[in-house]
Amino acid sequence: MLEAITTGFSETTLAYDLQRAHSADIWFIRARYFFWGTVSTIIGFLFGHALPAFGINIYKELWEGFIYTWHHLIG
């Protein structure tokens, strides 16, 4: 149901279309994959670079959480 909303077709229609697909159809599926992959990667990088502006340091938080867990489980 979700893939029908987000991509415009469901898994069963995709499987049927891939069985009968022409090379142009495959090219458009691949182009859509690369386009949305590129867009999501750029948005992810922009989001990651915007976090420090709000005072969020993911690496520091992960490291402190790891050290906290290490000291309470082992040390």
PDB file of N, CA and C in Angstrom:
ATOM      1  N   MET A   1       0.817  -1.184   0.000  1.00  0.00           N
ATOM      2  CA  MET A   1       0.000   0.000   0.000  1.00  0.00           C
ATOM      3  C   MET A   1       0.869   1.260   0.000  1.00  0.00           C
ATOM      4  N   LEU A   2       1.918   1.261   0.840  1.00  0.00           N
ATOM      5  CA  LEU A   2       2.774   2.444   0.920  1.00  0.00           C
ATOM      6  C   LEU A   2       3.524   2.680  -0.383  1.00  0.00           C
ATOM      7  N   GLU A   3       4.019   1.603  -1.007  1.00  0.00           N
ATOM      8  CA  GLU A   3       4.749   1.793  -2.251  1.00  0.00           C
ATOM      9  C   GLU A   3       3.833   2.269  -3.375  1.00  0.00           C
ATOM     10  N   ALA A   4       2.555   1.916  -3.303  1.00  0.00           N
ATOM     11  CA  ALA A   4       1.619   2.414  -4.308  1.00  0.00           C
ATOM     12  C   ALA A   4       1.423   3.917  -4.163  1.00  0.00           C
ATOM     13  N   ILE A   5       1.499   4.419  -2.944  1.00  0.00           N
ATOM     14  CA  ILE A   5       1.342   5.859  -2.721  1.00  0.00           C
ATOM     15  C   ILE A   5       2.620   6.603  -3.091  1.00  0.00           C
ATOM     16  N   THR A   6       3.782   6.065  -2.688  1.00  0.00           N
ATOM     17  CA  THR A   6       5.038   6.792  -2.880  1.00  0.00           C
ATOM     18  C   THR A   6       5.563   6.709  -4.308  1.00  0.00           C
ATOM     19  N   THR A   7       5.416   5.557  -4.965  1.00  0.00           N
ATOM     20  CA  THR A   7       6.000   5.393  -6.293  1.00  0.00           C
ATOM     21  C   THR A   7       4.970   5.332  -7.407  1.00  0.00           C
ATOM     22  N   GLY A   8       3.706   5.153  -7.070  1.00  0.00           N
ATOM     23  CA  GLY A   8       2.678   5.127  -8.092  1.00  0.00           C
ATOM     24  C   GLY A   8       2.298   3.743  -8.564  1.00  0.00           C
ATOM     25  N   PHE A   9       2.972   2.711  -8.059  1.00  0.00           N
ATOM     26  CA  PHE A   9       2.595   1.346  -8.422  1.00  0.00           C
ATOM     27  C   PHE A   9       2.952   0.408  -7.288  1.00  0.00           C
ATOM     28  N   SER A  10       2.300  -0.735  -7.260  1.00  0.00           N
ATOM     29  CA  SER A  10       2.522  -1.687  -6.171  1.00  0.00           C
ATOM     30  C   SER A  10       3.568  -2.721  -6.579  1.00  0.00           C
ATOM     31  N   GLU A  11       3.910  -3.591  -5.647  1.00  0.00           N
ATOM     32  CA  GLU A  11       4.941  -4.603  -5.897  1.00  0.00           C
ATOM     33  C   GLU A  11       4.505  -5.607  -6.963  1.00  0.00           C
ATOM     34  N   THR A  12       3.235  -5.977  -6.966  1.00  0.00           N
ATOM     35  CA  THR A  12       2.762  -6.955  -7.954  1.00  0.00           C
ATOM     36  C   THR A  12       2.781  -6.372  -9.357  1.00  0.00           C
ATOM     37  N   THR A  13       2.372  -5.120  -9.506  1.00  0.00           N
ATOM     38  CA  THR A  13       2.423  -4.523 -10.845  1.00  0.00           C
ATOM     39  C   THR A  13       3.856  -4.306 -11.293  1.00  0.00           C
ATOM     40  N   LEU A  14       4.752  -4.011 -10.360  1.00  0.00           N
ATOM     41  CA  LEU A  14       6.159  -3.864 -10.711  1.00  0.00           C
ATOM     42  C   LEU A  14       6.728  -5.192 -11.215  1.00  0.00           C
ATOM     43  N   ALA A  15       6.417  -6.293 -10.527  1.00  0.00           N
ATOM     44  CA  ALA A  15       6.902  -7.605 -10.957  1.00  0.00           C
ATOM     45  C   ALA A  15       6.358  -7.956 -12.334  1.00  0.00           C
ATOM     46  N   TYR A  16       5.080  -7.667 -12.559  1.00  0.00           N
ATOM     47  CA  TYR A  16       4.480  -7.941 -13.872  1.00  0.00           C
ATOM     48  C   TYR A  16       5.131  -7.082 -14.946  1.00  0.00           C
ATOM     49  N   ASP A  17       5.342  -5.803 -14.635  1.00  0.00           N
ATOM     50  CA  ASP A  17       5.950  -4.906 -15.616  1.00  0.00           C
ATOM     51  C   ASP A  17       7.387  -5.304 -15.926  1.00  0.00           C
ATOM     52  N   LEU A  18       8.128  -5.760 -14.918  1.00  0.00           N
ATOM     53  CA  LEU A  18       9.508  -6.162 -15.170  1.00  0.00           C
ATOM     54  C   LEU A  18       9.587  -7.410 -16.037  1.00  0.00           C
ATOM     55  N   GLN A  19       8.576  -8.288 -15.967  1.00  0.00           N
ATOM     56  CA  GLN A  19       8.561  -9.458 -16.836  1.00  0.00           C
ATOM     57  C   GLN A  19       8.373  -9.045 -18.292  1.00  0.00           C
ATOM     58  N   ARG A  20       7.591  -8.023 -18.518  1.00  0.00           N
ATOM     59  CA  ARG A  20       7.249  -7.614 -19.870  1.00  0.00           C
ATOM     60  C   ARG A  20       7.930  -6.310 -20.273  1.00  0.00           C
ATOM     61  N   ALA A  21       8.913  -5.904 -19.519  1.00  0.00           N
ATOM     62  CA  ALA A  21       9.506  -4.590 -19.727  1.00  0.00           C
ATOM     63  C   ALA A  21      10.357  -4.537 -20.987  1.00  0.00           C
ATOM     64  N   HIS A  22      10.357  -3.376 -21.595  1.00  0.00           N
ATOM     65  CA  HIS A  22      11.259  -3.090 -22.695  1.00  0.00           C
ATOM     66  C   HIS A  22      12.484  -2.390 -22.126  1.00  0.00           C
ATOM     67  N   SER A  23      13.494  -2.239 -22.928  1.00  0.00           N
ATOM     68  CA  SER A  23      14.710  -1.607 -22.437  1.00  0.00           C
ATOM     69  C   SER A  23      14.469  -0.158 -22.010  1.00  0.00           C
ATOM     70  N   ALA A  24      13.547   0.526 -22.669  1.00  0.00           N
ATOM     71  CA  ALA A  24      13.242   1.903 -22.270  1.00  0.00           C
ATOM     72  C   ALA A  24      12.591   1.932 -20.896  1.00  0.00           C
ATOM     73  N   ASP A  25      11.732   0.960 -20.605  1.00  0.00           N
ATOM     74  CA  ASP A  25      11.096   0.896 -19.289  1.00  0.00           C
ATOM     75  C   ASP A  25      12.135   0.682 -18.203  1.00  0.00           C
ATOM     76  N   ILE A  26      13.068  -0.215 -18.445  1.00  0.00           N
ATOM     77  CA  ILE A  26      14.132  -0.476 -17.480  1.00  0.00           C
ATOM     78  C   ILE A  26      14.964   0.787 -17.273  1.00  0.00           C
ATOM     79  N   TRP A  27      15.234   1.518 -18.363  1.00  0.00           N
ATOM     80  CA  TRP A  27      16.012   2.745 -18.254  1.00  0.00           C
ATOM     81  C   TRP A  27      15.293   3.763 -17.378  1.00  0.00           C
ATOM     82  N   PHE A  28      13.970   3.908 -17.546  1.00  0.00           N
ATOM     83  CA  PHE A  28      13.225   4.872 -16.737  1.00  0.00           C
ATOM     84  C   PHE A  28      13.185   4.459 -15.267  1.00  0.00           C
ATOM     85  N   ILE A  29      13.072   3.172 -14.992  1.00  0.00           N
ATOM     86  CA  ILE A  29      13.103   2.697 -13.600  1.00  0.00           C
ATOM     87  C   ILE A  29      14.469   2.995 -12.991  1.00  0.00           C
ATOM     88  N   ARG A  30      15.519   2.728 -13.734  1.00  0.00           N
ATOM     89  CA  ARG A  30      16.876   2.984 -13.249  1.00  0.00           C
ATOM     90  C   ARG A  30      17.118   4.486 -13.082  1.00  0.00           C
ATOM     91  N   ALA A  31      16.615   5.294 -14.009  1.00  0.00           N
ATOM     92  CA  ALA A  31      16.789   6.745 -13.909  1.00  0.00           C
ATOM     93  C   ALA A  31      16.068   7.281 -12.682  1.00  0.00           C
ATOM     94  N   ARG A  32      14.858   6.769 -12.415  1.00  0.00           N
ATOM     95  CA  ARG A  32      14.129   7.216 -11.229  1.00  0.00           C
ATOM     96  C   ARG A  32      14.877   6.814  -9.965  1.00  0.00           C
ATOM     97  N   TYR A  33      15.440   5.618  -9.938  1.00  0.00           N
ATOM     98  CA  TYR A  33      16.224   5.144  -8.792  1.00  0.00           C
ATOM     99  C   TYR A  33      17.427   6.063  -8.548  1.00  0.00           C
ATOM    100  N   PHE A  34      18.176   6.382  -9.599  1.00  0.00           N
ATOM    101  CA  PHE A  34      19.348   7.234  -9.431  1.00  0.00           C
ATOM    102  C   PHE A  34      18.963   8.662  -9.051  1.00  0.00           C
ATOM    103  N   PHE A  35      17.861   9.170  -9.626  1.00  0.00           N
ATOM    104  CA  PHE A  35      17.420  10.518  -9.300  1.00  0.00           C
ATOM    105  C   PHE A  35      17.057  10.627  -7.830  1.00  0.00           C
ATOM    106  N   TRP A  36      16.203   9.729  -7.330  1.00  0.00           N
ATOM    107  CA  TRP A  36      15.784   9.815  -5.931  1.00  0.00           C
ATOM    108  C   TRP A  36      16.904   9.435  -4.981  1.00  0.00           C
ATOM    109  N   GLY A  37      17.805   8.561  -5.404  1.00  0.00           N
ATOM    110  CA  GLY A  37      18.978   8.259  -4.589  1.00  0.00           C
ATOM    111  C   GLY A  37      19.878   9.472  -4.438  1.00  0.00           C
ATOM    112  N   THR A  38      20.076  10.211  -5.515  1.00  0.00           N
ATOM    113  CA  THR A  38      20.885  11.423  -5.464  1.00  0.00           C
ATOM    114  C   THR A  38      20.214  12.494  -4.614  1.00  0.00           C
ATOM    115  N   VAL A  39      18.907  12.685  -4.809  1.00  0.00           N
ATOM    116  CA  VAL A  39      18.183  13.693  -4.034  1.00  0.00           C
ATOM    117  C   VAL A  39      18.232  13.371  -2.545  1.00  0.00           C
ATOM    118  N   SER A  40      17.979  12.108  -2.184  1.00  0.00           N
ATOM    119  CA  SER A  40      17.981  11.747  -0.764  1.00  0.00           C
ATOM    120  C   SER A  40      19.376  11.850  -0.155  1.00  0.00           C
ATOM    121  N   THR A  41      20.413  11.553  -0.927  1.00  0.00           N
ATOM    122  CA  THR A  41      21.782  11.691  -0.427  1.00  0.00           C
ATOM    123  C   THR A  41      22.121  13.153  -0.163  1.00  0.00           C
ATOM    124  N   ILE A  42      21.767  14.027  -1.081  1.00  0.00           N
ATOM    125  CA  ILE A  42      22.043  15.459  -0.898  1.00  0.00           C
ATOM    126  C   ILE A  42      21.271  16.006   0.297  1.00  0.00           C
ATOM    127  N   ILE A  43      20.009  15.633   0.430  1.00  0.00           N
ATOM    128  CA  ILE A  43      19.209  16.084   1.580  1.00  0.00           C
ATOM    129  C   ILE A  43      19.813  15.562   2.881  1.00  0.00           C
ATOM    130  N   GLY A  44      20.279  14.312   2.882  1.00  0.00           N
ATOM    131  CA  GLY A  44      20.919  13.757   4.069  1.00  0.00           C
ATOM    132  C   GLY A  44      22.175  14.508   4.457  1.00  0.00           C
ATOM    133  N   PHE A  45      23.002  14.854   3.466  1.00  0.00           N
ATOM    134  CA  PHE A  45      24.205  15.634   3.758  1.00  0.00           C
ATOM    135  C   PHE A  45      23.854  17.023   4.283  1.00  0.00           C
ATOM    136  N   LEU A  46      22.868  17.679   3.672  1.00  0.00           N
ATOM    137  CA  LEU A  46      22.471  19.009   4.136  1.00  0.00           C
ATOM    138  C   LEU A  46      21.928  18.951   5.561  1.00  0.00           C
ATOM    139  N   PHE A  47      21.138  17.941   5.853  1.00  0.00           N
ATOM    140  CA  PHE A  47      20.600  17.770   7.205  1.00  0.00           C
ATOM    141  C   PHE A  47      21.735  17.519   8.199  1.00  0.00           C
ATOM    142  N   GLY A  48      22.688  16.673   7.819  1.00  0.00           N
ATOM    143  CA  GLY A  48      23.818  16.381   8.686  1.00  0.00           C
ATOM    144  C   GLY A  48      24.700  17.587   8.945  1.00  0.00           C
ATOM    145  N   HIS A  49      24.836  18.440   7.946  1.00  0.00           N
ATOM    146  CA  HIS A  49      25.654  19.639   8.124  1.00  0.00           C
ATOM    147  C   HIS A  49      24.895  20.740   8.866  1.00  0.00           C
ATOM    148  N   ALA A  50      23.569  20.663   8.901  1.00  0.00           N
ATOM    149  CA  ALA A  50      22.776  21.674   9.610  1.00  0.00           C
ATOM    150  C   ALA A  50      22.674  21.364  11.103  1.00  0.00           C
ATOM    151  N   LEU A  51      22.868  20.124  11.503  1.00  0.00           N
ATOM    152  CA  LEU A  51      22.728  19.756  12.913  1.00  0.00           C
ATOM    153  C   LEU A  51      23.653  20.543  13.848  1.00  0.00           C
ATOM    154  N   PRO A  52      24.933  20.731  13.523  1.00  0.00           N
ATOM    155  CA  PRO A  52      25.795  21.504  14.433  1.00  0.00           C
ATOM    156  C   PRO A  52      25.337  22.948  14.633  1.00  0.00           C
ATOM    157  N   ALA A  53      24.611  23.511  13.694  1.00  0.00           N
ATOM    158  CA  ALA A  53      24.108  24.867  13.859  1.00  0.00           C
ATOM    159  C   ALA A  53      23.105  24.945  15.006  1.00  0.00           C
ATOM    160  N   PHE A  54      22.476  23.823  15.311  1.00  0.00           N
ATOM    161  CA  PHE A  54      21.516  23.754  16.415  1.00  0.00           C
ATOM    162  C   PHE A  54      22.135  23.149  17.676  1.00  0.00           C
ATOM    163  N   GLY A  55      23.446  22.955  17.675  1.00  0.00           N
ATOM    164  CA  GLY A  55      24.140  22.454  18.853  1.00  0.00           C
ATOM    165  C   GLY A  55      24.074  20.948  19.026  1.00  0.00           C
ATOM    166  N   ILE A  56      23.817  20.214  17.953  1.00  0.00           N
ATOM    167  CA  ILE A  56      23.732  18.755  18.040  1.00  0.00           C
ATOM    168  C   ILE A  56      24.999  18.169  17.424  1.00  0.00           C
ATOM    169  N   ASN A  57      25.759  17.427  18.233  1.00  0.00           N
ATOM    170  CA  ASN A  57      26.974  16.776  17.773  1.00  0.00           C
ATOM    171  C   ASN A  57      26.759  15.268  17.898  1.00  0.00           C
ATOM    172  N   ILE A  58      26.442  14.621  16.797  1.00  0.00           N
ATOM    173  CA  ILE A  58      26.085  13.201  16.814  1.00  0.00           C
ATOM    174  C   ILE A  58      27.273  12.350  17.254  1.00  0.00           C
ATOM    175  N   TYR A  59      28.466  12.639  16.735  1.00  0.00           N
ATOM    176  CA  TYR A  59      29.627  11.814  17.054  1.00  0.00           C
ATOM    177  C   TYR A  59      29.978  11.895  18.538  1.00  0.00           C
ATOM    178  N   LYS A  60      29.922  13.083  19.092  1.00  0.00           N
ATOM    179  CA  LYS A  60      30.208  13.252  20.514  1.00  0.00           C
ATOM    180  C   LYS A  60      29.180  12.509  21.358  1.00  0.00           C
ATOM    181  N   GLU A  61      27.905  12.627  20.991  1.00  0.00           N
ATOM    182  CA  GLU A  61      26.840  11.940  21.737  1.00  0.00           C
ATOM    183  C   GLU A  61      26.993  10.419  21.654  1.00  0.00           C
ATOM    184  N   LEU A  62      27.305   9.909  20.479  1.00  0.00           N
ATOM    185  CA  LEU A  62      27.509   8.462  20.334  1.00  0.00           C
ATOM    186  C   LEU A  62      28.703   7.982  21.150  1.00  0.00           C
ATOM    187  N   TRP A  63      29.799   8.755  21.119  1.00  0.00           N
ATOM    188  CA  TRP A  63      30.995   8.364  21.862  1.00  0.00           C
ATOM    189  C   TRP A  63      30.731   8.389  23.363  1.00  0.00           C
ATOM    190  N   GLU A  64      30.064   9.439  23.854  1.00  0.00           N
ATOM    191  CA  GLU A  64      29.755   9.511  25.276  1.00  0.00           C
ATOM    192  C   GLU A  64      28.800   8.399  25.699  1.00  0.00           C
ATOM    193  N   GLY A  65      27.847   8.062  24.857  1.00  0.00           N
ATOM    194  CA  GLY A  65      26.948   6.953  25.154  1.00  0.00           C
ATOM    195  C   GLY A  65      27.682   5.622  25.206  1.00  0.00           C
ATOM    196  N   PHE A  66      28.627   5.444  24.279  1.00  0.00           N
ATOM    197  CA  PHE A  66      29.429   4.220  24.276  1.00  0.00           C
ATOM    198  C   PHE A  66      30.271   4.117  25.545  1.00  0.00           C
ATOM    199  N   ILE A  67      30.934   5.210  25.922  1.00  0.00           N
ATOM    200  CA  ILE A  67      31.770   5.215  27.126  1.00  0.00           C
ATOM    201  C   ILE A  67      30.904   4.978  28.368  1.00  0.00           C
ATOM    202  N   TYR A  68      29.750   5.615  28.444  1.00  0.00           N
ATOM    203  CA  TYR A  68      28.843   5.423  29.566  1.00  0.00           C
ATOM    204  C   TYR A  68      28.427   3.959  29.690  1.00  0.00           C
ATOM    205  N   THR A  69      28.033   3.363  28.567  1.00  0.00           N
ATOM    206  CA  THR A  69      27.624   1.960  28.571  1.00  0.00           C
ATOM    207  C   THR A  69      28.798   1.062  28.930  1.00  0.00           C
ATOM    208  N   TRP A  70      29.970   1.348  28.391  1.00  0.00           N
ATOM    209  CA  TRP A  70      31.165   0.536  28.658  1.00  0.00           C
ATOM    210  C   TRP A  70      31.492   0.550  30.151  1.00  0.00           C
ATOM    211  N   HIS A  71      31.473   1.710  30.768  1.00  0.00           N
ATOM    212  CA  HIS A  71      31.824   1.810  32.177  1.00  0.00           C
ATOM    213  C   HIS A  71      30.791   1.169  33.085  1.00  0.00           C
ATOM    214  N   HIS A  72      29.537   1.183  32.679  1.00  0.00           N
ATOM    215  CA  HIS A  72      28.510   0.597  33.531  1.00  0.00           C
ATOM    216  C   HIS A  72      28.332  -0.892  33.314  1.00  0.00           C
ATOM    217  N   LEU A  73      28.750  -1.414  32.175  1.00  0.00           N
ATOM    218  CA  LEU A  73      28.644  -2.859  31.927  1.00  0.00           C
ATOM    219  C   LEU A  73      29.920  -3.590  32.313  1.00  0.00           C
ATOM    220  N   ILE A  74      31.070  -3.016  31.988  1.00  0.00           N
ATOM    221  CA  ILE A  74      32.338  -3.721  32.156  1.00  0.00           C
ATOM    222  C   ILE A  74      33.174  -3.128  33.287  1.00  0.00           C
ATOM    223  N   GLY A  75      33.289  -1.805  33.315  1.00  0.00           N
ATOM    224  CA  GLY A  75      34.203  -1.163  34.239  1.00  0.00           C
ATOM    225  C   GLY A  75      33.536  -0.845  35.527  1.00  0.00           C
TER     226      GLY A  75
END
